[in-house]
Amino acid sequence: MRHTYSRELVNAGINISSIAEFAGHASLVVTRRYSKPSHVELEEAISQAFGF
């Protein structure tokens, strides 16, 4: 559940420092993994940028 919670916060545009605090992470390195875009999100970004 922590992953889903953190991922939803990332998707809502909450900054990574706040997410780390909310999730109880001692290090931003741990929290950073939730901000990594999925394959689908990368494809959508390319489509938006280049109009595919």
C-alpha atoms as a PDB file:
ATOM      1  CA  MET A   1       0.000   0.000   0.000  1.00  0.00           C
ATOM      2  CA  ARG A   2       2.884   2.379   0.641  1.00  0.00           C
ATOM      3  CA  HIS A   3       3.956   2.071  -2.994  1.00  0.00           C
ATOM      4  CA  THR A   4       0.459   2.895  -4.269  1.00  0.00           C
ATOM      5  CA  TYR A   5       0.122   5.787  -1.818  1.00  0.00           C
ATOM      6  CA  SER A   6       3.496   7.223  -2.785  1.00  0.00           C
ATOM      7  CA  ARG A   7       2.896   6.736  -6.499  1.00  0.00           C
ATOM      8  CA  GLU A   8      -0.444   8.549  -6.278  1.00  0.00           C
ATOM      9  CA  LEU A   9       1.263  11.468  -4.546  1.00  0.00           C
ATOM     10  CA  VAL A  10       3.893  11.584  -7.302  1.00  0.00           C
ATOM     11  CA  ASN A  11       1.137  11.549  -9.936  1.00  0.00           C
ATOM     12  CA  ALA A  12      -0.597  14.411  -8.108  1.00  0.00           C
ATOM     13  CA  GLY A  13       2.561  16.513  -8.416  1.00  0.00           C
ATOM     14  CA  ILE A  14       3.559  16.470  -4.747  1.00  0.00           C
ATOM     15  CA  ASN A  15       7.269  17.158  -4.295  1.00  0.00           C
ATOM     16  CA  ILE A  16       9.521  14.214  -3.500  1.00  0.00           C
ATOM     17  CA  SER A  17      10.660  15.613  -0.126  1.00  0.00           C
ATOM     18  CA  SER A  18       7.090  15.776   1.114  1.00  0.00           C
ATOM     19  CA  ILE A  19       6.384  12.263  -0.123  1.00  0.00           C
ATOM     20  CA  ALA A  20       9.440  10.958   1.737  1.00  0.00           C
ATOM     21  CA  GLU A  21       8.164  12.569   4.913  1.00  0.00           C
ATOM     22  CA  PHE A  22       4.618  11.241   4.463  1.00  0.00           C
ATOM     23  CA  ALA A  23       5.876   7.720   3.740  1.00  0.00           C
ATOM     24  CA  GLY A  24       8.380   7.724   6.585  1.00  0.00           C
ATOM     25  CA  HIS A  25      11.434   7.240   4.396  1.00  0.00           C
ATOM     26  CA  ALA A  26      14.765   8.231   5.907  1.00  0.00           C
ATOM     27  CA  SER A  27      16.315   8.788   2.482  1.00  0.00           C
ATOM     28  CA  LEU A  28      15.108  10.419  -0.720  1.00  0.00           C
ATOM     29  CA  VAL A  29      16.860   7.619  -2.599  1.00  0.00           C
ATOM     30  CA  VAL A  30      14.169   5.238  -1.369  1.00  0.00           C
ATOM     31  CA  THR A  31      11.387   7.625  -2.324  1.00  0.00           C
ATOM     32  CA  ARG A  32      12.878   8.364  -5.730  1.00  0.00           C
ATOM     33  CA  ARG A  33      11.938   4.933  -7.035  1.00  0.00           C
ATOM     34  CA  TYR A  34       8.280   5.985  -6.937  1.00  0.00           C
ATOM     35  CA  SER A  35       8.962   8.853  -9.309  1.00  0.00           C
ATOM     36  CA  LYS A  36      10.410   6.611 -12.004  1.00  0.00           C
ATOM     37  CA  PRO A  37       8.005   6.685 -14.955  1.00  0.00           C
ATOM     38  CA  SER A  38       6.470   3.452 -16.174  1.00  0.00           C
ATOM     39  CA  HIS A  39       6.943   2.230 -19.753  1.00  0.00           C
ATOM     40  CA  VAL A  40       3.412   3.373 -20.592  1.00  0.00           C
ATOM     41  CA  GLU A  41       4.074   6.831 -19.128  1.00  0.00           C
ATOM     42  CA  LEU A  42       7.227   7.154 -21.221  1.00  0.00           C
ATOM     43  CA  GLU A  43       5.303   6.208 -24.365  1.00  0.00           C
ATOM     44  CA  GLU A  44       2.611   8.768 -23.522  1.00  0.00           C
ATOM     45  CA  ALA A  45       5.236  11.460 -22.996  1.00  0.00           C
ATOM     46  CA  ILE A  46       6.753  10.755 -26.420  1.00  0.00           C
ATOM     47  CA  SER A  47       3.306  10.816 -28.017  1.00  0.00           C
ATOM     48  CA  GLN A  48       2.500  14.166 -26.403  1.00  0.00           C
ATOM     49  CA  ALA A  49       5.833  15.685 -27.346  1.00  0.00           C
ATOM     50  CA  PHE A  50       5.872  14.529 -30.953  1.00  0.00           C
ATOM     51  CA  GLY A  51       2.176  14.159 -31.742  1.00  0.00           C
ATOM     52  CA  PHE A  52       2.208  10.423 -32.431  1.00  0.00           C
END
